[in-house]
PDB file of N, CA and C in Angstrom:
ATOM      1  N   MET A   1       0.826  -1.159   0.135  1.00  0.00           N
ATOM      2  CA  MET A   1       0.017   0.015  -0.032  1.00  0.00           C
ATOM      3  C   MET A   1       0.758   1.183  -0.107  1.00  0.00           C
ATOM      4  N   LEU A   2       0.390   2.172  -0.626  1.00  0.00           N
ATOM      5  CA  LEU A   2       1.102   3.613  -0.704  1.00  0.00           C
ATOM      6  C   LEU A   2       0.382   4.691  -0.150  1.00  0.00           C
ATOM      7  N   TYR A   3       0.939   5.423   0.677  1.00  0.00           N
ATOM      8  CA  TYR A   3       0.096   6.367   1.201  1.00  0.00           C
ATOM      9  C   TYR A   3       0.880   7.934   0.618  1.00  0.00           C
ATOM     10  N   THR A   4      -0.069   8.983   0.364  1.00  0.00           N
ATOM     11  CA  THR A   4       0.137  10.252   0.144  1.00  0.00           C
ATOM     12  C   THR A   4      -0.189  11.165   1.399  1.00  0.00           C
ATOM     13  N   LEU A   5       0.955  11.744   1.937  1.00  0.00           N
ATOM     14  CA  LEU A   5       0.473  12.607   3.168  1.00  0.00           C
ATOM     15  C   LEU A   5       0.661  14.167   2.637  1.00  0.00           C
ATOM     16  N   PHE A   6      -0.492  14.783   2.434  1.00  0.00           N
ATOM     17  CA  PHE A   6      -0.728  15.876   2.177  1.00  0.00           C
ATOM     18  C   PHE A   6      -0.813  17.064   3.335  1.00  0.00           C
ATOM     19  N   PHE A   7       0.408  17.650   3.531  1.00  0.00           N
ATOM     20  CA  PHE A   7       0.213  18.766   4.655  1.00  0.00           C
ATOM     21  C   PHE A   7       0.167  20.070   3.938  1.00  0.00           C
ATOM     22  N   SER A   8      -0.914  20.979   4.381  1.00  0.00           N
ATOM     23  CA  SER A   8      -1.253  22.102   3.697  1.00  0.00           C
ATOM     24  C   SER A   8      -1.924  23.059   4.774  1.00  0.00           C
ATOM     25  N   ARG A   9      -1.639  24.346   4.418  1.00  0.00           N
ATOM     26  CA  ARG A   9      -2.273  25.293   4.982  1.00  0.00           C
ATOM     27  C   ARG A   9      -3.162  26.041   3.915  1.00  0.00           C
ATOM     28  N   LEU A  10      -4.326  26.383   4.230  1.00  0.00           N
ATOM     29  CA  LEU A  10      -5.082  27.222   3.255  1.00  0.00           C
ATOM     30  C   LEU A  10      -4.843  28.589   3.436  1.00  0.00           C
ATOM     31  N   HIS A  11      -5.179  29.274   2.147  1.00  0.00           N
ATOM     32  CA  HIS A  11      -5.303  30.821   2.261  1.00  0.00           C
ATOM     33  C   HIS A  11      -6.459  31.225   2.961  1.00  0.00           C
ATOM     34  N   ASP A  12      -6.539  32.331   3.376  1.00  0.00           N
ATOM     35  CA  ASP A  12      -7.764  33.132   4.047  1.00  0.00           C
ATOM     36  C   ASP A  12      -8.841  32.988   2.832  1.00  0.00           C
ATOM     37  N   LEU A  13      -9.820  32.075   2.957  1.00  0.00           N
ATOM     38  CA  LEU A  13     -10.608  31.969   1.803  1.00  0.00           C
ATOM     39  C   LEU A  13     -11.804  32.602   1.879  1.00  0.00           C
ATOM     40  N   GLY A  14     -12.351  32.936   3.101  1.00  0.00           N
ATOM     41  CA  GLY A  14     -13.511  33.253   3.543  1.00  0.00           C
ATOM     42  C   GLY A  14     -14.616  32.364   3.280  1.00  0.00           C
ATOM     43  N   ASP A  15     -16.123  32.681   3.507  1.00  0.00           N
ATOM     44  CA  ASP A  15     -16.748  31.418   3.693  1.00  0.00           C
ATOM     45  C   ASP A  15     -17.186  30.756   2.376  1.00  0.00           C
ATOM     46  N   ALA A  16     -17.336  31.813   1.473  1.00  0.00           N
ATOM     47  CA  ALA A  16     -17.550  31.402  -0.055  1.00  0.00           C
ATOM     48  C   ALA A  16     -16.586  30.515  -0.578  1.00  0.00           C
ATOM     49  N   GLY A  17     -15.295  31.087  -0.352  1.00  0.00           N
ATOM     50  CA  GLY A  17     -14.027  29.998  -0.803  1.00  0.00           C
ATOM     51  C   GLY A  17     -13.846  28.833  -0.105  1.00  0.00           C
ATOM     52  N   THR A  18     -14.253  28.774   1.357  1.00  0.00           N
ATOM     53  CA  THR A  18     -13.999  27.553   1.911  1.00  0.00           C
ATOM     54  C   THR A  18     -15.157  26.456   1.320  1.00  0.00           C
ATOM     55  N   ALA A  19     -16.375  27.110   1.064  1.00  0.00           N
ATOM     56  CA  ALA A  19     -17.458  26.185   0.619  1.00  0.00           C
ATOM     57  C   ALA A  19     -17.098  25.665  -0.690  1.00  0.00           C
ATOM     58  N   GLU A  20     -16.506  26.579  -1.612  1.00  0.00           N
ATOM     59  CA  GLU A  20     -15.943  26.085  -3.058  1.00  0.00           C
ATOM     60  C   GLU A  20     -15.081  25.043  -2.807  1.00  0.00           C
ATOM     61  N   TYR A  21     -13.870  25.107  -2.125  1.00  0.00           N
ATOM     62  CA  TYR A  21     -13.107  24.275  -1.674  1.00  0.00           C
ATOM     63  C   TYR A  21     -13.502  22.962  -1.198  1.00  0.00           C
ATOM     64  N   GLN A  22     -14.392  23.058  -0.366  1.00  0.00           N
ATOM     65  CA  GLN A  22     -14.896  21.804   0.392  1.00  0.00           C
ATOM     66  C   GLN A  22     -15.881  21.030  -0.749  1.00  0.00           C
ATOM     67  N   LYS A  23     -16.435  21.608  -1.680  1.00  0.00           N
ATOM     68  CA  LYS A  23     -17.223  20.967  -2.544  1.00  0.00           C
ATOM     69  C   LYS A  23     -16.360  20.493  -3.661  1.00  0.00           C
ATOM     70  N   ARG A  24     -15.035  21.096  -4.079  1.00  0.00           N
ATOM     71  CA  ARG A  24     -14.269  20.496  -5.084  1.00  0.00           C
ATOM     72  C   ARG A  24     -13.401  19.243  -4.385  1.00  0.00           C
ATOM     73  N   VAL A  25     -13.292  19.306  -3.358  1.00  0.00           N
ATOM     74  CA  VAL A  25     -12.507  18.124  -2.452  1.00  0.00           C
ATOM     75  C   VAL A  25     -13.497  16.879  -2.483  1.00  0.00           C
ATOM     76  N   GLY A  26     -14.794  17.312  -2.413  1.00  0.00           N
ATOM     77  CA  GLY A  26     -15.584  16.182  -2.137  1.00  0.00           C
ATOM     78  C   GLY A  26     -16.115  15.517  -3.560  1.00  0.00           C
ATOM     79  N   ALA A  27     -16.067  16.493  -4.536  1.00  0.00           N
ATOM     80  CA  ALA A  27     -15.836  16.082  -6.197  1.00  0.00           C
ATOM     81  C   ALA A  27     -14.904  15.066  -6.608  1.00  0.00           C
ATOM     82  N   LEU A  28     -13.594  15.467  -6.079  1.00  0.00           N
ATOM     83  CA  LEU A  28     -12.576  14.860  -6.466  1.00  0.00           C
ATOM     84  C   LEU A  28     -12.473  13.534  -5.984  1.00  0.00           C
ATOM     85  N   LYS A  29     -12.960  13.573  -4.637  1.00  0.00           N
ATOM     86  CA  LYS A  29     -12.858  11.938  -3.646  1.00  0.00           C
ATOM     87  C   LYS A  29     -13.935  11.269  -4.449  1.00  0.00           C
ATOM     88  N   ALA A  30     -15.053  11.782  -5.058  1.00  0.00           N
ATOM     89  CA  ALA A  30     -15.930  10.746  -5.724  1.00  0.00           C
ATOM     90  C   ALA A  30     -15.386  10.290  -6.980  1.00  0.00           C
ATOM     91  N   LEU A  31     -14.819  11.212  -7.740  1.00  0.00           N
ATOM     92  CA  LEU A  31     -14.149  11.039  -9.128  1.00  0.00           C
ATOM     93  C   LEU A  31     -13.166   9.698  -8.668  1.00  0.00           C
ATOM     94  N   ALA A  32     -12.196   9.965  -7.724  1.00  0.00           N
ATOM     95  CA  ALA A  32     -11.295   9.089  -7.343  1.00  0.00           C
ATOM     96  C   ALA A  32     -11.895   7.441  -7.119  1.00  0.00           C
ATOM     97  N   GLU A  33     -13.180   7.651  -6.134  1.00  0.00           N
ATOM     98  CA  GLU A  33     -13.635   6.293  -5.773  1.00  0.00           C
ATOM     99  C   GLU A  33     -14.468   5.584  -7.118  1.00  0.00           C
ATOM    100  N   ALA A  34     -14.820   6.526  -8.087  1.00  0.00           N
ATOM    101  CA  ALA A  34     -15.500   6.027  -9.363  1.00  0.00           C
ATOM    102  C   ALA A  34     -14.603   5.537 -10.331  1.00  0.00           C
ATOM    103  N   GLU A  35     -13.509   6.237 -10.633  1.00  0.00           N
ATOM    104  CA  GLU A  35     -12.690   6.081 -11.913  1.00  0.00           C
ATOM    105  C   GLU A  35     -11.362   5.421 -11.539  1.00  0.00           C
ATOM    106  N   HIS A  36     -10.748   5.236 -10.202  1.00  0.00           N
ATOM    107  CA  HIS A  36      -9.685   4.776  -9.852  1.00  0.00           C
ATOM    108  C   HIS A  36      -9.715   3.654  -8.940  1.00  0.00           C
ATOM    109  N   PRO A  37      -9.686   2.444  -9.379  1.00  0.00           N
ATOM    110  CA  PRO A  37      -9.798   1.473  -8.638  1.00  0.00           C
ATOM    111  C   PRO A  37      -8.755   1.229  -7.512  1.00  0.00           C
ATOM    112  N   GLY A  38      -7.594   1.786  -7.715  1.00  0.00           N
ATOM    113  CA  GLY A  38      -6.598   1.546  -6.662  1.00  0.00           C
ATOM    114  C   GLY A  38      -6.615   2.392  -5.829  1.00  0.00           C
ATOM    115  N   PHE A  39      -7.444   3.532  -6.031  1.00  0.00           N
ATOM    116  CA  PHE A  39      -7.700   4.509  -4.747  1.00  0.00           C
ATOM    117  C   PHE A  39      -8.585   3.990  -3.614  1.00  0.00           C
ATOM    118  N   LEU A  40      -7.753   3.776  -2.482  1.00  0.00           N
ATOM    119  CA  LEU A  40      -8.517   2.977  -1.359  1.00  0.00           C
ATOM    120  C   LEU A  40      -9.039   3.976  -0.211  1.00  0.00           C
ATOM    121  N   GLY A  41      -9.139   5.384  -0.537  1.00  0.00           N
ATOM    122  CA  GLY A  41      -9.587   6.093   0.612  1.00  0.00           C
ATOM    123  C   GLY A  41      -8.797   7.449   1.077  1.00  0.00           C
ATOM    124  N   MET A  42      -9.542   8.215   1.721  1.00  0.00           N
ATOM    125  CA  MET A  42      -8.848   9.291   2.264  1.00  0.00           C
ATOM    126  C   MET A  42      -9.325   9.990   3.309  1.00  0.00           C
ATOM    127  N   LYS A  43      -8.657  10.416   4.329  1.00  0.00           N
ATOM    128  CA  LYS A  43      -9.270  11.152   5.527  1.00  0.00           C
ATOM    129  C   LYS A  43      -8.301  12.457   5.538  1.00  0.00           C
ATOM    130  N   SER A  44      -8.951  13.690   6.111  1.00  0.00           N
ATOM    131  CA  SER A  44      -8.570  14.795   6.396  1.00  0.00           C
ATOM    132  C   SER A  44      -8.744  15.097   7.862  1.00  0.00           C
ATOM    133  N   TYR A  45      -7.560  15.995   8.384  1.00  0.00           N
ATOM    134  CA  TYR A  45      -7.439  16.255   9.815  1.00  0.00           C
ATOM    135  C   TYR A  45      -6.882  17.640   9.797  1.00  0.00           C
ATOM    136  N   VAL A  46      -7.729  18.440  10.722  1.00  0.00           N
ATOM    137  CA  VAL A  46      -7.094  19.915  10.809  1.00  0.00           C
ATOM    138  C   VAL A  46      -6.623  20.120  12.293  1.00  0.00           C
ATOM    139  N   ALA A  47      -5.279  20.554  12.714  1.00  0.00           N
ATOM    140  CA  ALA A  47      -4.784  20.951  13.773  1.00  0.00           C
ATOM    141  C   ALA A  47      -5.390  22.353  14.385  1.00  0.00           C
ATOM    142  N   GLU A  48      -5.084  22.455  15.425  1.00  0.00           N
ATOM    143  CA  GLU A  48      -5.625  23.773  16.228  1.00  0.00           C
ATOM    144  C   GLU A  48      -5.057  25.019  15.475  1.00  0.00           C
ATOM    145  N   ASP A  49      -4.035  24.977  15.056  1.00  0.00           N
ATOM    146  CA  ASP A  49      -3.358  26.126  14.377  1.00  0.00           C
ATOM    147  C   ASP A  49      -3.780  26.244  12.811  1.00  0.00           C
ATOM    148  N   GLY A  50      -4.482  25.353  12.391  1.00  0.00           N
ATOM    149  CA  GLY A  50      -5.035  25.631  10.943  1.00  0.00           C
ATOM    150  C   GLY A  50      -4.371  24.510   9.794  1.00  0.00           C
ATOM    151  N   GLU A  51      -3.093  23.931  10.400  1.00  0.00           N
ATOM    152  CA  GLU A  51      -2.306  23.276   9.520  1.00  0.00           C
ATOM    153  C   GLU A  51      -3.290  21.870   9.201  1.00  0.00           C
ATOM    154  N   ARG A  52      -3.559  21.388   8.102  1.00  0.00           N
ATOM    155  CA  ARG A  52      -4.247  20.362   7.644  1.00  0.00           C
ATOM    156  C   ARG A  52      -3.469  19.038   7.328  1.00  0.00           C
ATOM    157  N   LEU A  53      -3.865  17.927   7.322  1.00  0.00           N
ATOM    158  CA  LEU A  53      -3.110  16.852   6.835  1.00  0.00           C
ATOM    159  C   LEU A  53      -4.246  15.857   5.938  1.00  0.00           C
ATOM    160  N   THR A  54      -4.114  15.535   4.756  1.00  0.00           N
ATOM    161  CA  THR A  54      -4.883  14.596   4.326  1.00  0.00           C
ATOM    162  C   THR A  54      -4.280  13.256   4.074  1.00  0.00           C
ATOM    163  N   VAL A  55      -4.581  12.238   4.285  1.00  0.00           N
ATOM    164  CA  VAL A  55      -3.892  11.171   4.218  1.00  0.00           C
ATOM    165  C   VAL A  55      -4.728  10.251   3.074  1.00  0.00           C
ATOM    166  N   VAL A  56      -4.182  10.017   1.987  1.00  0.00           N
ATOM    167  CA  VAL A  56      -4.682   9.217   0.680  1.00  0.00           C
ATOM    168  C   VAL A  56      -4.160   7.898   0.598  1.00  0.00           C
ATOM    169  N   ARG A  57      -4.863   6.839   0.630  1.00  0.00           N
ATOM    170  CA  ARG A  57      -4.229   5.609   0.356  1.00  0.00           C
ATOM    171  C   ARG A  57      -4.358   5.136  -0.992  1.00  0.00           C
ATOM    172  N   PHE A  58      -3.361   4.297  -1.547  1.00  0.00           N
ATOM    173  CA  PHE A  58      -3.516   3.648  -2.865  1.00  0.00           C
ATOM    174  C   PHE A  58      -2.992   2.336  -2.682  1.00  0.00           C
ATOM    175  N   ARG A  59      -3.570   1.603  -3.561  1.00  0.00           N
ATOM    176  CA  ARG A  59      -3.020   0.133  -3.646  1.00  0.00           C
ATOM    177  C   ARG A  59      -1.739   0.098  -3.872  1.00  0.00           C
ATOM    178  N   ASP A  60      -1.243   0.650  -4.912  1.00  0.00           N
ATOM    179  CA  ASP A  60       0.223   0.568  -5.320  1.00  0.00           C
ATOM    180  C   ASP A  60       0.553   1.862  -6.079  1.00  0.00           C
ATOM    181  N   ALA A  61       1.958   1.682  -6.396  1.00  0.00           N
ATOM    182  CA  ALA A  61       2.349   3.297  -7.376  1.00  0.00           C
ATOM    183  C   ALA A  61       1.994   3.394  -8.362  1.00  0.00           C
ATOM    184  N   GLU A  62       1.250   2.545  -9.279  1.00  0.00           N
ATOM    185  CA  GLU A  62       0.739   2.758 -10.457  1.00  0.00           C
ATOM    186  C   GLU A  62      -0.655   3.472 -10.136  1.00  0.00           C
ATOM    187  N   SER A  63      -1.237   2.911  -9.218  1.00  0.00           N
ATOM    188  CA  SER A  63      -2.522   3.490  -8.876  1.00  0.00           C
ATOM    189  C   SER A  63      -2.553   5.052  -8.536  1.00  0.00           C
ATOM    190  N   GLN A  64      -1.462   5.330  -7.592  1.00  0.00           N
ATOM    191  CA  GLN A  64      -1.115   6.929  -7.395  1.00  0.00           C
ATOM    192  C   GLN A  64      -0.801   7.529  -8.522  1.00  0.00           C
ATOM    193  N   ARG A  65       0.330   7.008  -9.292  1.00  0.00           N
ATOM    194  CA  ARG A  65       0.475   7.706 -10.547  1.00  0.00           C
ATOM    195  C   ARG A  65      -0.654   8.084 -11.346  1.00  0.00           C
ATOM    196  N   ALA A  66      -1.640   7.066 -11.503  1.00  0.00           N
ATOM    197  CA  ALA A  66      -2.798   7.214 -12.576  1.00  0.00           C
ATOM    198  C   ALA A  66      -3.762   8.299 -11.853  1.00  0.00           C
ATOM    199  N   TRP A  67      -3.854   8.519 -10.614  1.00  0.00           N
ATOM    200  CA  TRP A  67      -4.639   9.666  -9.879  1.00  0.00           C
ATOM    201  C   TRP A  67      -3.632  10.839 -10.062  1.00  0.00           C
ATOM    202  N   ARG A  68      -2.420  11.104  -9.890  1.00  0.00           N
ATOM    203  CA  ARG A  68      -1.747  12.202  -9.885  1.00  0.00           C
ATOM    204  C   ARG A  68      -1.889  12.685 -11.410  1.00  0.00           C
ATOM    205  N   LEU A  69      -2.018  11.971 -12.365  1.00  0.00           N
ATOM    206  CA  LEU A  69      -1.944  12.293 -13.719  1.00  0.00           C
ATOM    207  C   LEU A  69      -3.325  12.579 -14.318  1.00  0.00           C
ATOM    208  N   ASP A  70      -4.498  12.243 -13.507  1.00  0.00           N
ATOM    209  CA  ASP A  70      -5.677  12.310 -13.747  1.00  0.00           C
ATOM    210  C   ASP A  70      -6.016  13.882 -14.172  1.00  0.00           C
ATOM    211  N   PRO A  71      -6.638  14.086 -15.366  1.00  0.00           N
ATOM    212  CA  PRO A  71      -6.836  15.411 -16.103  1.00  0.00           C
ATOM    213  C   PRO A  71      -7.727  16.310 -15.034  1.00  0.00           C
ATOM    214  N   SER A  72      -8.798  15.940 -14.285  1.00  0.00           N
ATOM    215  CA  SER A  72      -9.443  16.482 -13.370  1.00  0.00           C
ATOM    216  C   SER A  72      -8.712  16.852 -12.155  1.00  0.00           C
ATOM    217  N   HIS A  73      -7.894  16.000 -11.883  1.00  0.00           N
ATOM    218  CA  HIS A  73      -7.090  16.231 -10.706  1.00  0.00           C
ATOM    219  C   HIS A  73      -5.822  17.248 -10.845  1.00  0.00           C
ATOM    220  N   ARG A  74      -5.418  17.122 -12.272  1.00  0.00           N
ATOM    221  CA  ARG A  74      -4.241  18.262 -12.504  1.00  0.00           C
ATOM    222  C   ARG A  74      -4.942  19.635 -12.634  1.00  0.00           C
ATOM    223  N   GLU A  75      -6.216  19.706 -12.994  1.00  0.00           N
ATOM    224  CA  GLU A  75      -6.826  20.831 -13.062  1.00  0.00           C
ATOM    225  C   GLU A  75      -7.018  21.413 -11.633  1.00  0.00           C
ATOM    226  N   ALA A  76      -7.373  20.741 -10.604  1.00  0.00           N
ATOM    227  CA  ALA A  76      -7.482  20.863  -9.180  1.00  0.00           C
ATOM    228  C   ALA A  76      -6.081  21.391  -8.582  1.00  0.00           C
ATOM    229  N   GLN A  77      -5.064  20.656  -9.111  1.00  0.00           N
ATOM    230  CA  GLN A  77      -3.757  21.082  -8.619  1.00  0.00           C
ATOM    231  C   GLN A  77      -3.417  22.475  -9.044  1.00  0.00           C
ATOM    232  N   VAL A  78      -3.820  22.846 -10.145  1.00  0.00           N
ATOM    233  CA  VAL A  78      -3.440  24.450 -10.548  1.00  0.00           C
ATOM    234  C   VAL A  78      -4.435  25.251  -9.706  1.00  0.00           C
ATOM    235  N   ARG A  79      -5.620  24.897  -9.594  1.00  0.00           N
ATOM    236  CA  ARG A  79      -6.509  25.802  -8.928  1.00  0.00           C
ATOM    237  C   ARG A  79      -6.152  25.880  -7.255  1.00  0.00           C
ATOM    238  N   GLY A  80      -5.511  24.795  -6.729  1.00  0.00           N
ATOM    239  CA  GLY A  80      -5.136  24.833  -5.610  1.00  0.00           C
ATOM    240  C   GLY A  80      -3.891  25.665  -5.159  1.00  0.00           C
ATOM    241  N   ARG A  81      -2.880  25.739  -6.266  1.00  0.00           N
ATOM    242  CA  ARG A  81      -1.722  26.729  -6.124  1.00  0.00           C
ATOM    243  C   ARG A  81      -2.241  27.763  -6.349  1.00  0.00           C
ATOM    244  N   THR A  82      -3.029  28.399  -7.176  1.00  0.00           N
ATOM    245  CA  THR A  82      -3.731  29.635  -7.523  1.00  0.00           C
ATOM    246  C   THR A  82      -4.472  30.450  -6.492  1.00  0.00           C
ATOM    247  N   HIS A  83      -5.366  29.421  -6.038  1.00  0.00           N
ATOM    248  CA  HIS A  83      -6.481  30.014  -5.167  1.00  0.00           C
ATOM    249  C   HIS A  83      -6.454  29.572  -3.639  1.00  0.00           C
ATOM    250  N   TYR A  84      -6.235  28.164  -3.571  1.00  0.00           N
ATOM    251  CA  TYR A  84      -6.857  27.693  -2.181  1.00  0.00           C
ATOM    252  C   TYR A  84      -5.727  27.805  -1.096  1.00  0.00           C
ATOM    253  N   TYR A  85      -4.445  27.348  -1.405  1.00  0.00           N
ATOM    254  CA  TYR A  85      -3.247  26.971  -0.436  1.00  0.00           C
ATOM    255  C   TYR A  85      -2.223  28.101  -0.267  1.00  0.00           C
ATOM    256  N   GLU A  86      -1.965  28.314   0.982  1.00  0.00           N
ATOM    257  CA  GLU A  86      -0.949  29.298   1.331  1.00  0.00           C
ATOM    258  C   GLU A  86       0.310  28.550   1.044  1.00  0.00           C
ATOM    259  N   ARG A  87       0.513  27.298   1.542  1.00  0.00           N
ATOM    260  CA  ARG A  87       1.561  26.115   1.087  1.00  0.00           C
ATOM    261  C   ARG A  87       1.079  24.749   1.203  1.00  0.00           C
ATOM    262  N   PHE A  88       1.853  24.257   0.637  1.00  0.00           N
ATOM    263  CA  PHE A  88       1.809  22.245   1.043  1.00  0.00           C
ATOM    264  C   PHE A  88       2.976  21.970   0.871  1.00  0.00           C
ATOM    265  N   HIS A  89       2.920  20.468   1.305  1.00  0.00           N
ATOM    266  CA  HIS A  89       4.359  19.724   1.406  1.00  0.00           C
ATOM    267  C   HIS A  89       3.530  18.199   1.218  1.00  0.00           C
ATOM    268  N   ILE A  90       4.082  17.496   0.320  1.00  0.00           N
ATOM    269  CA  ILE A  90       3.810  16.216   0.046  1.00  0.00           C
ATOM    270  C   ILE A  90       4.697  15.199   0.140  1.00  0.00           C
ATOM    271  N   VAL A  91       4.261  14.178   0.935  1.00  0.00           N
ATOM    272  CA  VAL A  91       5.332  12.963   1.400  1.00  0.00           C
ATOM    273  C   VAL A  91       4.632  11.887   0.850  1.00  0.00           C
ATOM    274  N   VAL A  92       5.202  10.973  -0.027  1.00  0.00           N
ATOM    275  CA  VAL A  92       4.841   9.519  -0.423  1.00  0.00           C
ATOM    276  C   VAL A  92       5.547   8.639   0.634  1.00  0.00           C
ATOM    277  N   CYS A  93       4.621   7.786   0.855  1.00  0.00           N
ATOM    278  CA  CYS A  93       5.285   6.510   1.932  1.00  0.00           C
ATOM    279  C   CYS A  93       4.852   5.131   1.532  1.00  0.00           C
ATOM    280  N   GLU A  94       5.647   4.206   1.499  1.00  0.00           N
ATOM    281  CA  GLU A  94       5.309   2.878   1.105  1.00  0.00           C
ATOM    282  C   GLU A  94       5.179   2.295   2.472  1.00  0.00           C
ATOM    283  N   GLU A  95       3.872   1.374   2.657  1.00  0.00           N
ATOM    284  CA  GLU A  95       3.760   0.783   3.861  1.00  0.00           C
ATOM    285  C   GLU A  95       4.692  -0.568   3.785  1.00  0.00           C
ATOM    286  N   ARG A  96       5.552  -0.534   5.028  1.00  0.00           N
ATOM    287  CA  ARG A  96       6.508  -1.560   5.170  1.00  0.00           C
ATOM    288  C   ARG A  96       6.131  -2.693   6.117  1.00  0.00           C
ATOM    289  N   HIS A  97       5.264  -2.227   7.061  1.00  0.00           N
ATOM    290  CA  HIS A  97       4.712  -3.198   8.150  1.00  0.00           C
ATOM    291  C   HIS A  97       3.360  -2.634   8.645  1.00  0.00           C
ATOM    292  N   ALA A  98       2.370  -3.347   9.084  1.00  0.00           N
ATOM    293  CA  ALA A  98       1.245  -2.919   9.590  1.00  0.00           C
ATOM    294  C   ALA A  98       0.696  -3.868  10.572  1.00  0.00           C
ATOM    295  N   HIS A  99      -0.079  -3.570  11.516  1.00  0.00           N
ATOM    296  CA  HIS A  99      -0.540  -4.339  12.734  1.00  0.00           C
ATOM    297  C   HIS A  99      -1.821  -3.795  13.215  1.00  0.00           C
ATOM    298  N   GLU A 100      -2.901  -4.491  13.405  1.00  0.00           N
ATOM    299  CA  GLU A 100      -4.295  -3.997  13.507  1.00  0.00           C
ATOM    300  C   GLU A 100      -4.709  -4.654  14.908  1.00  0.00           C
ATOM    301  N   PHE A 101      -5.635  -3.924  15.522  1.00  0.00           N
ATOM    302  CA  PHE A 101      -6.202  -4.518  16.751  1.00  0.00           C
ATOM    303  C   PHE A 101      -7.602  -4.023  16.743  1.00  0.00           C
ATOM    304  N   THR A 102      -8.667  -4.766  16.721  1.00  0.00           N
ATOM    305  CA  THR A 102     -10.210  -4.364  16.914  1.00  0.00           C
ATOM    306  C   THR A 102     -10.652  -5.207  18.000  1.00  0.00           C
ATOM    307  N   ARG A 103     -11.126  -4.375  19.155  1.00  0.00           N
ATOM    308  CA  ARG A 103     -11.800  -4.737  20.137  1.00  0.00           C
ATOM    309  C   ARG A 103     -12.949  -5.534  19.938  1.00  0.00           C
ATOM    310  N   ALA A 104     -13.124  -6.827  20.517  1.00  0.00           N
ATOM    311  CA  ALA A 104     -14.478  -7.562  19.966  1.00  0.00           C
ATOM    312  C   ALA A 104     -15.679  -6.873  20.630  1.00  0.00           C
ATOM    313  N   SER A 105     -16.848  -6.976  19.971  1.00  0.00           N
ATOM    314  CA  SER A 105     -18.062  -6.339  20.688  1.00  0.00           C
ATOM    315  C   SER A 105     -18.518  -7.090  22.005  1.00  0.00           C
ATOM    316  N   GLU A 106     -19.012  -6.274  22.750  1.00  0.00           N
ATOM    317  CA  GLU A 106     -19.461  -7.016  24.190  1.00  0.00           C
ATOM    318  C   GLU A 106     -21.065  -7.281  23.932  1.00  0.00           C
ATOM    319  N   GLU A 107     -21.294  -8.552  23.401  1.00  0.00           N
ATOM    320  CA  GLU A 107     -22.868  -8.721  23.464  1.00  0.00           C
ATOM    321  C   GLU A 107     -23.343  -9.409  24.536  1.00  0.00           C
ATOM    322  N   GLY A 108     -24.224  -9.048  25.322  1.00  0.00           N
ATOM    323  CA  GLY A 108     -24.600  -9.691  26.322  1.00  0.00           C
ATOM    324  C   GLY A 108     -26.157 -10.333  26.160  1.00  0.00           C
TER     325      GLY A 108
END
């Protein structure tokens, strides 16, 4: 599995700009889910100081590359640089080891 860690800080967008940004992110996620089977999901987090972290999971490097080159995603990247982001930093990581724990439900 491959992870893209997208650290970012938004420009001061105002309410309308924030709504536009959120709508675009939702549309891109829907596109990735519908058109890119190697896309496994994404979650975003916002720190108290406003820094954002979006974790995007892909099955493999080819799946991530296909998404990176998707024309709608490329257009959104340009829009992000020109309108939405104050700054961003991208880190791509390969999963080397994973461990999982799930508590069993307590049915009585």
